[in-house]
PDB file of N, CA and C in Angstrom:
ATOM      1  N   MET A   1      63.306  81.385  45.898  1.00  0.00           N
ATOM      2  CA  MET A   1      63.959  81.697  47.131  1.00  0.00           C
ATOM      3  C   MET A   1      64.522  80.434  47.772  1.00  0.00           C
ATOM      4  N   LEU A   2      65.562  80.675  48.531  1.00  0.00           N
ATOM      5  CA  LEU A   2      66.217  79.578  49.238  1.00  0.00           C
ATOM      6  C   LEU A   2      65.642  79.459  50.637  1.00  0.00           C
ATOM      7  N   ASN A   3      65.495  78.221  51.076  1.00  0.00           N
ATOM      8  CA  ASN A   3      65.015  78.048  52.448  1.00  0.00           C
ATOM      9  C   ASN A   3      66.185  78.174  53.416  1.00  0.00           C
ATOM     10  N   ASP A   4      65.886  78.182  54.679  1.00  0.00           N
ATOM     11  CA  ASP A   4      66.901  78.378  55.714  1.00  0.00           C
ATOM     12  C   ASP A   4      67.976  77.294  55.681  1.00  0.00           C
ATOM     13  N   GLY A   5      67.624  76.063  55.468  1.00  0.00           N
ATOM     14  CA  GLY A   5      68.577  74.956  55.438  1.00  0.00           C
ATOM     15  C   GLY A   5      69.581  75.123  54.302  1.00  0.00           C
ATOM     16  N   GLU A   6      69.068  75.546  53.142  1.00  0.00           N
ATOM     17  CA  GLU A   6      69.950  75.739  51.981  1.00  0.00           C
ATOM     18  C   GLU A   6      70.900  76.908  52.210  1.00  0.00           C
ATOM     19  N   VAL A   7      70.419  77.975  52.784  1.00  0.00           N
ATOM     20  CA  VAL A   7      71.254  79.139  53.082  1.00  0.00           C
ATOM     21  C   VAL A   7      72.329  78.740  54.092  1.00  0.00           C
ATOM     22  N   LYS A   8      71.920  77.966  55.098  1.00  0.00           N
ATOM     23  CA  LYS A   8      72.863  77.520  56.120  1.00  0.00           C
ATOM     24  C   LYS A   8      73.965  76.662  55.484  1.00  0.00           C
ATOM     25  N   ARG A   9      73.580  75.739  54.580  1.00  0.00           N
ATOM     26  CA  ARG A   9      74.568  74.886  53.911  1.00  0.00           C
ATOM     27  C   ARG A   9      75.487  75.716  53.026  1.00  0.00           C
ATOM     28  N   ILE A  10      74.969  76.730  52.363  1.00  0.00           N
ATOM     29  CA  ILE A  10      75.798  77.601  51.518  1.00  0.00           C
ATOM     30  C   ILE A  10      76.800  78.354  52.387  1.00  0.00           C
ATOM     31  N   LEU A  11      76.356  78.874  53.525  1.00  0.00           N
ATOM     32  CA  LEU A  11      77.244  79.595  54.433  1.00  0.00           C
ATOM     33  C   LEU A  11      78.329  78.656  54.988  1.00  0.00           C
ATOM     34  N   GLU A  12      77.931  77.434  55.329  1.00  0.00           N
ATOM     35  CA  GLU A  12      78.910  76.464  55.812  1.00  0.00           C
ATOM     36  C   GLU A  12      79.930  76.135  54.709  1.00  0.00           C
ATOM     37  N   ALA A  13      79.467  76.000  53.490  1.00  0.00           N
ATOM     38  CA  ALA A  13      80.357  75.703  52.368  1.00  0.00           C
ATOM     39  C   ALA A  13      81.317  76.866  52.132  1.00  0.00           C
ATOM     40  N   ILE A  14      80.807  78.087  52.237  1.00  0.00           N
ATOM     41  CA  ILE A  14      81.658  79.271  52.057  1.00  0.00           C
ATOM     42  C   ILE A  14      82.717  79.314  53.163  1.00  0.00           C
ATOM     43  N   THR A  15      82.315  79.053  54.396  1.00  0.00           N
ATOM     44  CA  THR A  15      83.246  79.042  55.523  1.00  0.00           C
ATOM     45  C   THR A  15      84.308  77.956  55.326  1.00  0.00           C
ATOM     46  N   GLU A  16      83.832  76.786  54.911  1.00  0.00           N
ATOM     47  CA  GLU A  16      84.752  75.679  54.660  1.00  0.00           C
ATOM     48  C   GLU A  16      85.719  76.021  53.528  1.00  0.00           C
ATOM     49  N   TYR A  17      85.213  76.663  52.480  1.00  0.00           N
ATOM     50  CA  TYR A  17      86.065  77.074  51.351  1.00  0.00           C
ATOM     51  C   TYR A  17      87.109  78.078  51.824  1.00  0.00           C
ATOM     52  N   ARG A  18      86.699  79.040  52.653  1.00  0.00           N
ATOM     53  CA  ARG A  18      87.623  80.044  53.186  1.00  0.00           C
ATOM     54  C   ARG A  18      88.732  79.366  54.001  1.00  0.00           C
ATOM     55  N   GLU A  19      88.361  78.395  54.830  1.00  0.00           N
ATOM     56  CA  GLU A  19      89.341  77.663  55.634  1.00  0.00           C
ATOM     57  C   GLU A  19      90.318  76.899  54.734  1.00  0.00           C
ATOM     58  N   LEU A  20      89.783  76.313  53.680  1.00  0.00           N
ATOM     59  CA  LEU A  20      90.635  75.592  52.737  1.00  0.00           C
ATOM     60  C   LEU A  20      91.621  76.535  52.041  1.00  0.00           C
ATOM     61  N   VAL A  21      91.157  77.722  51.680  1.00  0.00           N
ATOM     62  CA  VAL A  21      92.027  78.704  51.039  1.00  0.00           C
ATOM     63  C   VAL A  21      93.124  79.135  52.009  1.00  0.00           C
ATOM     64  N   GLU A  22      92.771  79.390  53.262  1.00  0.00           N
ATOM     65  CA  GLU A  22      93.763  79.767  54.268  1.00  0.00           C
ATOM     66  C   GLU A  22      94.764  78.627  54.489  1.00  0.00           C
ATOM     67  N   HIS A  23      94.258  77.424  54.597  1.00  0.00           N
ATOM     68  CA  HIS A  23      95.121  76.261  54.797  1.00  0.00           C
ATOM     69  C   HIS A  23      96.043  76.074  53.587  1.00  0.00           C
ATOM     70  N   SER A  24      95.518  76.302  52.417  1.00  0.00           N
ATOM     71  CA  SER A  24      96.317  76.196  51.194  1.00  0.00           C
ATOM     72  C   SER A  24      97.442  77.225  51.198  1.00  0.00           C
ATOM     73  N   GLY A  25      97.167  78.442  51.638  1.00  0.00           N
ATOM     74  CA  GLY A  25      98.193  79.482  51.732  1.00  0.00           C
ATOM     75  C   GLY A  25      99.281  79.097  52.725  1.00  0.00           C
ATOM     76  N   GLU A  26      98.880  78.542  53.866  1.00  0.00           N
ATOM     77  CA  GLU A  26      99.854  78.094  54.869  1.00  0.00           C
ATOM     78  C   GLU A  26     100.717  76.960  54.315  1.00  0.00           C
ATOM     79  N   MET A  27     100.072  76.046  53.625  1.00  0.00           N
ATOM     80  CA  MET A  27     100.811  74.934  53.027  1.00  0.00           C
ATOM     81  C   MET A  27     101.804  75.446  51.979  1.00  0.00           C
ATOM     82  N   ARG A  28     101.386  76.430  51.201  1.00  0.00           N
ATOM     83  CA  ARG A  28     102.277  77.011  50.197  1.00  0.00           C
ATOM     84  C   ARG A  28     103.487  77.659  50.854  1.00  0.00           C
ATOM     85  N   LYS A  29     103.266  78.378  51.959  1.00  0.00           N
ATOM     86  CA  LYS A  29     104.376  78.990  52.691  1.00  0.00           C
ATOM     87  C   LYS A  29     105.317  77.923  53.245  1.00  0.00           C
ATOM     88  N   GLN A  30     104.747  76.862  53.794  1.00  0.00           N
ATOM     89  CA  GLN A  30     105.573  75.778  54.319  1.00  0.00           C
ATOM     90  C   GLN A  30     106.372  75.111  53.204  1.00  0.00           C
ATOM     91  N   LEU A  31     105.729  74.927  52.064  1.00  0.00           N
ATOM     92  CA  LEU A  31     106.406  74.323  50.922  1.00  0.00           C
ATOM     93  C   LEU A  31     107.551  75.210  50.441  1.00  0.00           C
ATOM     94  N   GLU A  32     107.341  76.519  50.391  1.00  0.00           N
ATOM     95  CA  GLU A  32     108.402  77.442  49.993  1.00  0.00           C
ATOM     96  C   GLU A  32     109.564  77.382  50.982  1.00  0.00           C
ATOM     97  N   ALA A  33     109.249  77.315  52.272  1.00  0.00           N
ATOM     98  CA  ALA A  33     110.302  77.222  53.293  1.00  0.00           C
ATOM     99  C   ALA A  33     111.071  75.910  53.126  1.00  0.00           C
ATOM    100  N   LEU A  34     110.366  74.828  52.861  1.00  0.00           N
ATOM    101  CA  LEU A  34     111.026  73.543  52.654  1.00  0.00           C
ATOM    102  C   LEU A  34     111.906  73.566  51.405  1.00  0.00           C
ATOM    103  N   LEU A  35     111.426  74.219  50.356  1.00  0.00           N
ATOM    104  CA  LEU A  35     112.228  74.318  49.132  1.00  0.00           C
ATOM    105  C   LEU A  35     113.497  75.127  49.364  1.00  0.00           C
ATOM    106  N   LYS A  36     113.384  76.208  50.144  1.00  0.00           N
ATOM    107  CA  LYS A  36     114.577  76.998  50.477  1.00  0.00           C
ATOM    108  C   LYS A  36     115.552  76.157  51.286  1.00  0.00           C
ATOM    109  N   ARG A  37     115.035  75.426  52.258  1.00  0.00           N
ATOM    110  CA  ARG A  37     115.892  74.567  53.088  1.00  0.00           C
ATOM    111  C   ARG A  37     116.544  73.489  52.230  1.00  0.00           C
ATOM    112  N   TRP A  38     115.779  72.917  51.310  1.00  0.00           N
ATOM    113  CA  TRP A  38     116.315  71.906  50.398  1.00  0.00           C
ATOM    114  C   TRP A  38     117.462  72.495  49.576  1.00  0.00           C
ATOM    115  N   GLY A  39     117.257  73.690  49.056  1.00  0.00           N
ATOM    116  CA  GLY A  39     118.313  74.352  48.281  1.00  0.00           C
ATOM    117  C   GLY A  39     119.553  74.591  49.121  1.00  0.00           C
ATOM    118  N   SER A  40     119.346  75.001  50.367  1.00  0.00           N
ATOM    119  CA  SER A  40     120.468  75.243  51.272  1.00  0.00           C
ATOM    120  C   SER A  40     121.218  73.944  51.561  1.00  0.00           C
ATOM    121  N   LEU A  41     120.484  72.882  51.830  1.00  0.00           N
ATOM    122  CA  LEU A  41     121.116  71.580  52.098  1.00  0.00           C
ATOM    123  C   LEU A  41     121.856  71.066  50.869  1.00  0.00           C
ATOM    124  N   LYS A  42     121.264  71.278  49.710  1.00  0.00           N
ATOM    125  CA  LYS A  42     121.918  70.843  48.473  1.00  0.00           C
ATOM    126  C   LYS A  42     123.219  71.608  48.259  1.00  0.00           C
ATOM    127  N   SER A  43     123.188  72.900  48.538  1.00  0.00           N
ATOM    128  CA  SER A  43     124.393  73.717  48.418  1.00  0.00           C
ATOM    129  C   SER A  43     125.469  73.252  49.391  1.00  0.00           C
ATOM    130  N   GLU A  44     125.080  72.985  50.629  1.00  0.00           N
ATOM    131  CA  GLU A  44     126.029  72.474  51.632  1.00  0.00           C
ATOM    132  C   GLU A  44     126.619  71.147  51.171  1.00  0.00           C
ATOM    133  N   ARG A  45     125.770  70.277  50.633  1.00  0.00           N
ATOM    134  CA  ARG A  45     126.234  68.973  50.162  1.00  0.00           C
ATOM    135  C   ARG A  45     127.249  69.137  49.038  1.00  0.00           C
ATOM    136  N   ASP A  46     126.964  70.058  48.120  1.00  0.00           N
ATOM    137  CA  ASP A  46     127.892  70.290  47.012  1.00  0.00           C
ATOM    138  C   ASP A  46     129.238  70.806  47.521  1.00  0.00           C
ATOM    139  N   GLU A  47     129.199  71.716  48.496  1.00  0.00           N
ATOM    140  CA  GLU A  47     130.440  72.233  49.078  1.00  0.00           C
ATOM    141  C   GLU A  47     131.222  71.111  49.763  1.00  0.00           C
ATOM    142  N   LEU A  48     130.511  70.270  50.511  1.00  0.00           N
ATOM    143  CA  LEU A  48     131.171  69.148  51.185  1.00  0.00           C
ATOM    144  C   LEU A  48     131.769  68.178  50.166  1.00  0.00           C
ATOM    145  N   ARG A  49     131.045  67.952  49.088  1.00  0.00           N
ATOM    146  CA  ARG A  49     131.544  67.050  48.047  1.00  0.00           C
ATOM    147  C   ARG A  49     132.823  67.617  47.421  1.00  0.00           C
ATOM    148  N   GLN A  50     132.840  68.926  47.169  1.00  0.00           N
ATOM    149  CA  GLN A  50     134.043  69.553  46.603  1.00  0.00           C
ATOM    150  C   GLN A  50     135.211  69.453  47.584  1.00  0.00           C
ATOM    151  N   THR A  51     134.933  69.699  48.864  1.00  0.00           N
ATOM    152  CA  THR A  51     135.980  69.589  49.879  1.00  0.00           C
ATOM    153  C   THR A  51     136.503  68.159  49.958  1.00  0.00           C
ATOM    154  N   LEU A  52     135.598  67.204  49.913  1.00  0.00           N
ATOM    155  CA  LEU A  52     135.997  65.798  49.951  1.00  0.00           C
ATOM    156  C   LEU A  52     136.831  65.432  48.723  1.00  0.00           C
ATOM    157  N   ASP A  53     136.451  65.957  47.564  1.00  0.00           N
ATOM    158  CA  ASP A  53     137.239  65.709  46.348  1.00  0.00           C
ATOM    159  C   ASP A  53     138.656  66.266  46.500  1.00  0.00           C
ATOM    160  N   ARG A  54     138.764  67.474  47.078  1.00  0.00           N
ATOM    161  CA  ARG A  54     140.096  68.058  47.296  1.00  0.00           C
ATOM    162  C   ARG A  54     140.909  67.219  48.271  1.00  0.00           C
ATOM    163  N   ILE A  55     140.250  66.713  49.316  1.00  0.00           N
ATOM    164  CA  ILE A  55     140.945  65.861  50.284  1.00  0.00           C
ATOM    165  C   ILE A  55     141.444  64.595  49.600  1.00  0.00           C
ATOM    166  N   HIS A  56     140.606  63.989  48.755  1.00  0.00           N
ATOM    167  CA  HIS A  56     141.025  62.784  48.038  1.00  0.00           C
ATOM    168  C   HIS A  56     142.205  63.074  47.115  1.00  0.00           C
ATOM    169  N   GLN A  57     142.161  64.223  46.439  1.00  0.00           N
ATOM    170  CA  GLN A  57     143.277  64.599  45.563  1.00  0.00           C
ATOM    171  C   GLN A  57     144.556  64.771  46.378  1.00  0.00           C
ATOM    172  N   THR A  58     144.436  65.446  47.518  1.00  0.00           N
ATOM    173  CA  THR A  58     145.598  65.659  48.383  1.00  0.00           C
ATOM    174  C   THR A  58     146.145  64.327  48.878  1.00  0.00           C
ATOM    175  N   MET A  59     145.241  63.431  49.270  1.00  0.00           N
ATOM    176  CA  MET A  59     145.690  62.119  49.753  1.00  0.00           C
ATOM    177  C   MET A  59     146.380  61.333  48.639  1.00  0.00           C
ATOM    178  N   SER A  60     145.857  61.415  47.437  1.00  0.00           N
ATOM    179  CA  SER A  60     146.490  60.728  46.310  1.00  0.00           C
ATOM    180  C   SER A  60     147.881  61.282  46.057  1.00  0.00           C
ATOM    181  N   GLN A  61     148.002  62.611  46.128  1.00  0.00           N
ATOM    182  CA  GLN A  61     149.310  63.239  45.928  1.00  0.00           C
ATOM    183  C   GLN A  61     150.267  62.838  47.040  1.00  0.00           C
ATOM    184  N   LEU A  62     149.770  62.814  48.280  1.00  0.00           N
ATOM    185  CA  LEU A  62     150.608  62.400  49.407  1.00  0.00           C
ATOM    186  C   LEU A  62     151.074  60.956  49.238  1.00  0.00           C
ATOM    187  N   LYS A  63     150.183  60.098  48.763  1.00  0.00           N
ATOM    188  CA  LYS A  63     150.552  58.704  48.537  1.00  0.00           C
ATOM    189  C   LYS A  63     151.647  58.611  47.483  1.00  0.00           C
ATOM    190  N   ALA A  64     151.479  59.353  46.382  1.00  0.00           N
ATOM    191  CA  ALA A  64     152.491  59.340  45.318  1.00  0.00           C
ATOM    192  C   ALA A  64     153.821  59.888  45.839  1.00  0.00           C
ATOM    193  N   ASP A  65     153.764  60.983  46.601  1.00  0.00           N
ATOM    194  CA  ASP A  65     154.984  61.566  47.165  1.00  0.00           C
ATOM    195  C   ASP A  65     155.659  60.588  48.126  1.00  0.00           C
ATOM    196  N   TYR A  66     154.861  59.891  48.922  1.00  0.00           N
ATOM    197  CA  TYR A  66     155.403  58.912  49.863  1.00  0.00           C
ATOM    198  C   TYR A  66     156.100  57.774  49.110  1.00  0.00           C
ATOM    199  N   GLN A  67     155.474  57.307  48.022  1.00  0.00           N
ATOM    200  CA  GLN A  67     156.083  56.228  47.239  1.00  0.00           C
ATOM    201  C   GLN A  67     157.410  56.678  46.630  1.00  0.00           C
ATOM    202  N   VAL A  68     157.461  57.905  46.136  1.00  0.00           N
ATOM    203  CA  VAL A  68     158.716  58.442  45.588  1.00  0.00           C
ATOM    204  C   VAL A  68     159.761  58.529  46.694  1.00  0.00           C
ATOM    205  N   MET A  69     159.353  59.017  47.855  1.00  0.00           N
ATOM    206  CA  MET A  69     160.289  59.147  48.970  1.00  0.00           C
ATOM    207  C   MET A  69     160.825  57.770  49.388  1.00  0.00           C
ATOM    208  N   MET A  70     159.943  56.770  49.438  1.00  0.00           N
ATOM    209  CA  MET A  70     160.387  55.434  49.824  1.00  0.00           C
ATOM    210  C   MET A  70     161.360  54.856  48.791  1.00  0.00           C
ATOM    211  N   ARG A  71     161.131  55.142  47.514  1.00  0.00           N
ATOM    212  CA  ARG A  71     162.089  54.705  46.486  1.00  0.00           C
ATOM    213  C   ARG A  71     163.434  55.382  46.705  1.00  0.00           C
ATOM    214  N   ARG A  72     163.405  56.667  47.020  1.00  0.00           N
ATOM    215  CA  ARG A  72     164.653  57.391  47.275  1.00  0.00           C
ATOM    216  C   ARG A  72     165.362  56.852  48.504  1.00  0.00           C
ATOM    217  N   VAL A  73     164.585  56.533  49.545  1.00  0.00           N
ATOM    218  CA  VAL A  73     165.183  55.945  50.748  1.00  0.00           C
ATOM    219  C   VAL A  73     165.832  54.615  50.388  1.00  0.00           C
ATOM    220  N   GLY A  74     165.157  53.828  49.555  1.00  0.00           N
ATOM    221  CA  GLY A  74     165.737  52.564  49.100  1.00  0.00           C
ATOM    222  C   GLY A  74     167.011  52.786  48.318  1.00  0.00           C
ATOM    223  N   ASP A  75     166.989  53.797  47.442  1.00  0.00           N
ATOM    224  CA  ASP A  75     168.192  54.129  46.661  1.00  0.00           C
ATOM    225  C   ASP A  75     169.330  54.565  47.586  1.00  0.00           C
ATOM    226  N   ILE A  76     169.001  55.398  48.567  1.00  0.00           N
ATOM    227  CA  ILE A  76     170.015  55.867  49.513  1.00  0.00           C
ATOM    228  C   ILE A  76     170.581  54.685  50.293  1.00  0.00           C
ATOM    229  N   SER A  77     169.697  53.775  50.702  1.00  0.00           N
ATOM    230  CA  SER A  77     170.142  52.605  51.449  1.00  0.00           C
ATOM    231  C   SER A  77     171.074  51.746  50.593  1.00  0.00           C
ATOM    232  N   SER A  78     170.723  51.574  49.325  1.00  0.00           N
ATOM    233  CA  SER A  78     171.580  50.798  48.422  1.00  0.00           C
ATOM    234  C   SER A  78     172.936  51.481  48.242  1.00  0.00           C
ATOM    235  N   THR A  79     172.893  52.806  48.077  1.00  0.00           N
ATOM    236  CA  THR A  79     174.129  53.574  47.921  1.00  0.00           C
ATOM    237  C   THR A  79     174.971  53.470  49.188  1.00  0.00           C
ATOM    238  N   GLU A  80     174.309  53.562  50.325  1.00  0.00           N
ATOM    239  CA  GLU A  80     175.004  53.459  51.604  1.00  0.00           C
ATOM    240  C   GLU A  80     175.676  52.096  51.733  1.00  0.00           C
ATOM    241  N   ASP A  81     174.960  51.043  51.342  1.00  0.00           N
ATOM    242  CA  ASP A  81     175.534  49.694  51.382  1.00  0.00           C
ATOM    243  C   ASP A  81     176.752  49.593  50.464  1.00  0.00           C
ATOM    244  N   ALA A  82     176.627  50.170  49.270  1.00  0.00           N
ATOM    245  CA  ALA A  82     177.749  50.130  48.325  1.00  0.00           C
ATOM    246  C   ALA A  82     178.951  50.896  48.881  1.00  0.00           C
ATOM    247  N   VAL A  83     178.696  52.059  49.494  1.00  0.00           N
ATOM    248  CA  VAL A  83     179.779  52.852  50.075  1.00  0.00           C
ATOM    249  C   VAL A  83     180.435  52.070  51.211  1.00  0.00           C
ATOM    250  N   LEU A  84     179.624  51.449  52.061  1.00  0.00           N
ATOM    251  CA  LEU A  84     180.188  50.662  53.167  1.00  0.00           C
ATOM    252  C   LEU A  84     181.026  49.499  52.642  1.00  0.00           C
ATOM    253  N   ASP A  85     180.531  48.843  51.597  1.00  0.00           N
ATOM    254  CA  ASP A  85     181.315  47.754  50.994  1.00  0.00           C
ATOM    255  C   ASP A  85     182.639  48.281  50.454  1.00  0.00           C
ATOM    256  N   SER A  86     182.597  49.434  49.806  1.00  0.00           N
ATOM    257  CA  SER A  86     183.818  50.030  49.259  1.00  0.00           C
ATOM    258  C   SER A  86     184.795  50.410  50.368  1.00  0.00           C
ATOM    259  N   VAL A  87     184.259  50.994  51.458  1.00  0.00           N
ATOM    260  CA  VAL A  87     185.105  51.372  52.586  1.00  0.00           C
ATOM    261  C   VAL A  87     185.741  50.122  53.205  1.00  0.00           C
ATOM    262  N   LYS A  88     184.955  49.064  53.372  1.00  0.00           N
ATOM    263  CA  LYS A  88     185.491  47.818  53.910  1.00  0.00           C
ATOM    264  C   LYS A  88     186.595  47.273  53.012  1.00  0.00           C
ATOM    265  N   PHE A  89     186.338  47.310  51.715  1.00  0.00           N
ATOM    266  CA  PHE A  89     187.352  46.842  50.764  1.00  0.00           C
ATOM    267  C   PHE A  89     188.628  47.663  50.893  1.00  0.00           C
ATOM    268  N   LEU A  90     188.472  48.995  50.949  1.00  0.00           N
ATOM    269  CA  LEU A  90     189.638  49.872  51.076  1.00  0.00           C
ATOM    270  C   LEU A  90     190.385  49.621  52.386  1.00  0.00           C
ATOM    271  N   ILE A  91     189.658  49.417  53.466  1.00  0.00           N
ATOM    272  CA  ILE A  91     190.292  49.139  54.759  1.00  0.00           C
ATOM    273  C   ILE A  91     191.061  47.823  54.681  1.00  0.00           C
ATOM    274  N   ASP A  92     190.438  46.808  54.076  1.00  0.00           N
ATOM    275  CA  ASP A  92     191.126  45.520  53.918  1.00  0.00           C
ATOM    276  C   ASP A  92     192.386  45.672  53.074  1.00  0.00           C
ATOM    277  N   GLU A  93     192.276  46.438  51.993  1.00  0.00           N
ATOM    278  CA  GLU A  93     193.435  46.654  51.125  1.00  0.00           C
ATOM    279  C   GLU A  93     194.526  47.423  51.865  1.00  0.00           C
ATOM    280  N   LEU A  94     194.123  48.435  52.598  1.00  0.00           N
ATOM    281  CA  LEU A  94     195.086  49.224  53.365  1.00  0.00           C
ATOM    282  C   LEU A  94     195.754  48.357  54.431  1.00  0.00           C
ATOM    283  N   ALA A  95     194.978  47.555  55.122  1.00  0.00           N
ATOM    284  CA  ALA A  95     195.531  46.664  56.139  1.00  0.00           C
ATOM    285  C   ALA A  95     196.508  45.682  55.513  1.00  0.00           C
ATOM    286  N   SER A  96     196.128  45.147  54.357  1.00  0.00           N
ATOM    287  CA  SER A  96     197.013  44.203  53.656  1.00  0.00           C
ATOM    288  C   SER A  96     198.307  44.891  53.239  1.00  0.00           C
ATOM    289  N   THR A  97     198.199  46.091  52.727  1.00  0.00           N
ATOM    290  CA  THR A  97     199.382  46.846  52.301  1.00  0.00           C
ATOM    291  C   THR A  97     200.262  47.157  53.502  1.00  0.00           C
ATOM    292  N   LEU A  98     199.655  47.556  54.612  1.00  0.00           N
ATOM    293  CA  LEU A  98     200.422  47.858  55.814  1.00  0.00           C
ATOM    294  C   LEU A  98     201.133  46.613  56.350  1.00  0.00           C
ATOM    295  N   LYS A  99     200.483  45.473  56.287  1.00  0.00           N
ATOM    296  CA  LYS A  99     201.104  44.233  56.746  1.00  0.00           C
ATOM    297  C   LYS A  99     202.302  43.881  55.870  1.00  0.00           C
ATOM    298  N   LYS A 100     202.196  44.103  54.566  1.00  0.00           N
ATOM    299  CA  LYS A 100     203.318  43.811  53.659  1.00  0.00           C
ATOM    300  C   LYS A 100     204.503  44.697  53.999  1.00  0.00           C
ATOM    301  N   HIS A 101     204.249  45.958  54.279  1.00  0.00           N
ATOM    302  CA  HIS A 101     205.328  46.883  54.599  1.00  0.00           C
ATOM    303  C   HIS A 101     205.949  46.573  55.956  1.00  0.00           C
ATOM    304  N   GLU A 102     205.161  46.086  56.897  1.00  0.00           N
ATOM    305  CA  GLU A 102     205.680  45.726  58.228  1.00  0.00           C
ATOM    306  C   GLU A 102     206.617  44.517  58.103  1.00  0.00           C
ATOM    307  N   VAL A 103     206.231  43.556  57.308  1.00  0.00           N
ATOM    308  CA  VAL A 103     207.035  42.348  57.150  1.00  0.00           C
ATOM    309  C   VAL A 103     208.327  42.667  56.399  1.00  0.00           C
ATOM    310  N   ASP A 104     208.263  43.538  55.426  1.00  0.00           N
ATOM    311  CA  ASP A 104     209.410  43.879  54.612  1.00  0.00           C
ATOM    312  C   ASP A 104     210.460  44.659  55.418  1.00  0.00           C
ATOM    313  N   THR A 105     210.112  45.370  56.412  1.00  0.00           N
ATOM    314  CA  THR A 105     211.082  46.177  57.167  1.00  0.00           C
ATOM    315  C   THR A 105     211.734  45.448  58.280  1.00  0.00           C
TER     316      THR A 105
END
């Protein structure tokens, strides 16, 4: 037979074990909630990363388009300069021709 002290210690151990089991269940629930939150955060991060990748792609395309546009602006400016030079030449030639005809008459 067990004496009173031993029975008391067994009951205390059983109570302590029960508390540990309850605490373990609570910890498991908290861990599951944390794992769900982790999964949600990871999913959000992946979505943000994809969005950021698309933004970078768009910016790269915009940069390339801008460079092409600036080359075209340069080409237009060069063409404009050539046209202005040609117009000046034609005006000078016309003025010279008109002066020759004025003197001849």
